[in-house]
Protein backbone atom coordinates (compact mmCIF):
# COMPACT_ATOMS: atom_id res chain seq x y z
CA MET A 1 103.94 97.09 134.91
CA MET A 2 103.34 99.48 132.14
CA ASN A 3 102.41 103.30 133.43
CA PRO A 4 98.76 103.86 133.37
CA SER A 5 99.32 107.34 131.51
CA VAL A 6 101.21 105.72 128.75
CA LEU A 7 98.55 103.37 128.42
CA GLU A 8 95.99 105.99 128.24
CA ARG A 9 98.01 107.76 125.64
CA ALA A 10 98.32 104.56 123.56
CA ALA A 11 94.78 104.16 123.50
CA ARG A 12 94.07 107.33 121.82
CA ILE A 13 96.83 106.80 119.08
CA LYS A 14 95.16 106.74 115.39
CA LEU A 15 98.70 107.06 113.65
CA MET A 16 101.97 105.96 114.71
CA ILE A 17 105.19 107.68 113.08
CA PHE A 18 108.37 105.77 112.97
CA ASP A 19 112.02 107.42 112.54
CA VAL A 20 114.27 105.16 110.37
CA ASP A 21 117.98 105.25 111.57
CA GLY A 22 118.28 104.11 115.34
CA VAL A 23 114.66 103.21 115.37
CA LEU A 24 113.45 100.68 112.33
CA THR A 25 117.33 100.04 112.04
CA ASP A 26 119.93 99.93 114.75
CA GLY A 27 121.37 103.05 113.31
CA SER A 28 124.52 101.61 111.39
CA LEU A 29 125.16 102.48 107.93
CA HIS A 30 127.21 100.01 105.81
CA TYR A 31 128.44 101.01 102.47
CA GLY A 32 128.38 99.04 99.50
CA ALA A 33 130.98 99.13 96.73
CA ASP A 34 129.27 101.65 94.65
CA GLY A 35 129.31 104.02 97.87
CA GLU A 36 125.36 103.14 98.51
CA ALA A 37 124.30 103.17 102.28
CA LEU A 38 122.67 99.99 102.99
CA LYS A 39 120.37 99.56 106.18
CA THR A 40 119.34 96.38 107.81
CA PHE A 41 115.68 96.15 108.97
CA ASN A 42 114.12 93.89 111.54
CA VAL A 43 111.58 91.16 110.33
CA GLN A 44 109.65 91.18 113.66
CA ASP A 45 109.32 94.86 113.45
CA GLY A 46 107.91 94.67 110.19
CA LEU A 47 105.59 92.23 111.13
CA GLY A 48 104.53 94.20 114.28
CA ILE A 49 103.79 97.26 111.71
CA LYS A 50 101.44 95.14 109.49
CA LEU A 51 99.63 93.88 112.75
CA LEU A 52 99.23 97.41 113.99
CA GLN A 53 97.60 98.40 110.40
CA GLU A 54 95.38 95.40 110.69
CA SER A 55 94.15 96.80 114.04
CA GLY A 56 93.32 99.99 112.33
CA VAL A 57 95.94 102.37 113.16
CA GLN A 58 97.73 104.22 110.42
CA THR A 59 101.52 104.17 110.08
CA ALA A 60 104.12 106.65 108.47
CA ILE A 61 107.58 107.04 108.37
CA ILE A 62 109.41 110.57 108.68
CA SER A 63 113.30 110.34 108.34
CA ALA A 64 116.10 113.19 107.84
CA ARG A 65 118.08 110.71 105.46
CA THR A 66 117.15 109.74 102.02
CA SER A 67 117.38 106.26 100.86
CA GLN A 68 115.91 103.80 98.49
CA GLN A 69 116.04 100.98 100.88
CA VAL A 70 113.45 102.99 103.17
CA ILE A 71 111.00 103.60 99.92
CA ARG A 72 111.22 99.63 99.31
CA ARG A 73 110.73 98.94 102.98
CA ALA A 74 107.72 101.23 103.23
CA ALA A 75 106.04 99.69 100.25
CA ASP A 76 106.76 96.21 101.24
CA LEU A 77 104.93 96.99 104.70
CA GLY A 78 102.13 98.95 103.07
CA ILE A 79 103.41 102.37 104.67
CA SER A 80 101.60 104.85 102.57
CA HIS A 81 102.70 108.08 104.50
CA LEU A 82 106.42 108.30 103.68
CA HIS A 83 108.68 111.67 104.13
CA GLN A 84 112.42 111.40 103.95
CA GLY A 85 115.31 114.01 103.53
CA GLY A 86 115.80 117.20 105.70
CA HIS A 87 116.46 117.69 109.43
CA ASP A 88 112.97 119.86 109.71
CA LYS A 89 110.73 117.16 110.46
CA LEU A 90 107.91 119.47 111.78
CA ALA A 91 106.92 120.51 108.41
CA PRO A 92 105.98 116.97 107.16
CA PHE A 93 104.61 116.37 110.71
CA HIS A 94 102.03 119.17 110.11
CA ALA A 95 101.35 118.24 106.50
CA LEU A 96 100.42 114.69 107.91
CA LEU A 97 98.20 115.98 110.50
CA GLU A 98 96.61 118.09 107.69
CA LYS A 99 96.35 115.24 105.18
CA THR A 100 94.92 112.53 107.89
CA GLY A 101 92.72 115.13 109.58
CA LEU A 102 94.03 113.86 112.98
CA THR A 103 95.10 116.15 116.02
CA ALA A 104 98.90 115.81 117.64
CA GLU A 105 97.19 113.94 120.45
CA GLN A 106 96.24 111.06 118.21
CA VAL A 107 99.47 110.63 116.72
CA GLY A 108 102.41 108.61 118.38
CA PHE A 109 106.11 109.00 117.31
CA ILE A 110 109.11 107.22 118.05
CA GLY A 111 112.69 108.48 117.75
CA ASP A 112 116.19 108.49 118.99
CA ASP A 113 117.86 111.65 118.27
CA VAL A 114 117.73 115.43 118.80
CA VAL A 115 116.00 115.86 115.23
CA ASP A 116 113.10 114.15 116.74
CA LEU A 117 112.31 116.34 119.45
CA PRO A 118 110.17 118.98 117.60
CA ILE A 119 107.80 116.00 116.74
CA LEU A 120 107.99 114.12 120.06
CA SER A 121 107.24 117.42 122.09
CA ARG A 122 104.03 117.76 120.25
CA VAL A 123 102.52 114.19 119.93
CA GLY A 124 99.98 112.31 122.30
CA LEU A 125 102.50 109.46 122.58
CA ALA A 126 106.37 110.24 122.58
CA VAL A 127 108.30 107.16 122.30
CA ALA A 128 112.29 106.56 122.58
CA VAL A 129 114.42 103.70 122.02
CA PRO A 130 116.83 102.88 125.11
CA ASN A 131 119.95 103.84 123.25
CA GLY A 132 118.51 107.18 122.23
CA ARG A 133 120.14 110.49 123.18
CA ALA A 134 119.61 111.69 126.76
CA GLU A 135 117.57 114.92 125.45
CA VAL A 136 115.36 112.39 123.87
CA LEU A 137 115.08 109.74 126.45
CA SER A 138 114.31 112.80 129.01
CA ARG A 139 111.15 114.11 126.87
CA ALA A 140 109.68 110.55 126.12
CA HIS A 141 106.23 109.50 127.82
CA HIS A 142 107.87 105.63 127.28
CA VAL A 143 111.17 104.19 126.54
CA THR A 144 111.17 100.82 124.99
CA ALA A 145 112.86 97.97 126.53
CA ALA A 146 114.34 96.76 123.18
CA HIS A 147 117.00 98.92 121.26
CA GLY A 148 116.14 100.34 117.77
CA GLY A 149 116.27 97.74 114.96
CA ARG A 150 116.25 95.16 117.58
CA GLY A 151 112.20 94.87 118.26
CA ALA A 152 111.61 98.38 119.61
CA VAL A 153 109.07 98.93 116.90
CA ARG A 154 107.27 95.60 117.30
CA GLU A 155 107.23 96.44 121.35
CA VAL A 156 105.43 99.85 120.35
CA CYS A 157 103.07 98.16 117.87
CA GLU A 158 101.99 95.44 120.57
CA LEU A 159 102.01 98.22 123.21
CA LEU A 160 99.34 100.32 121.20
CA MET A 161 97.11 97.33 120.11
CA GLN A 162 96.99 96.14 124.01
CA ALA A 163 96.09 99.76 125.04
CA GLN A 164 93.31 99.97 122.51
CA GLY A 165 92.02 96.20 123.06
CA SER A 166 92.98 94.88 119.55
CA TYR A 167 95.87 92.53 120.43
CA GLN A 168 93.85 89.66 120.97
CA ARG A 169 91.76 90.14 117.78
CA VAL A 170 94.77 90.49 115.54
CA MET A 171 96.75 87.79 117.20
CA ALA A 172 93.57 85.14 117.09
CA GLN A 173 94.65 84.41 113.39
CA PHE A 174 97.77 82.80 114.60
CA LEU A 175 96.56 81.23 117.60
CA VAL A 176 94.58 78.70 115.96
């Protein structure tokens, strides 16, 4: 049974921000022959993001690492708010609030490591993956059942849609 406080928080979210390494991926880095770091994304997580956007929730990525694969993945998913590079995630978070006109209470964030704490401690819905660092898990409003890169993002997207009453409407297109 979902914590009623988490559902109340999720019902207010207008923008969901995703970390990449350890959240949209399992955190593994594979290096190709040319030295480029390769990432693996979960297809079901991607569809979850698309469905969440369809429900009216905006999406964003804030990542400490810089990767061409993340640029490509964000473009494939229609994520227009993308910031990469630098362990200071708070500055792009504040810029995003200013750009969207939203308050921190209307924003959710899912992360896994200590560089995510400055945002996690400010948002209306702080989510962690179960394989996240202890400092992150202890400060999260909700911890997903699925691990990063293994369905955690899809789980959060569906949680938001269910809390906001849009889940059935968005899913109806597949249940014909």
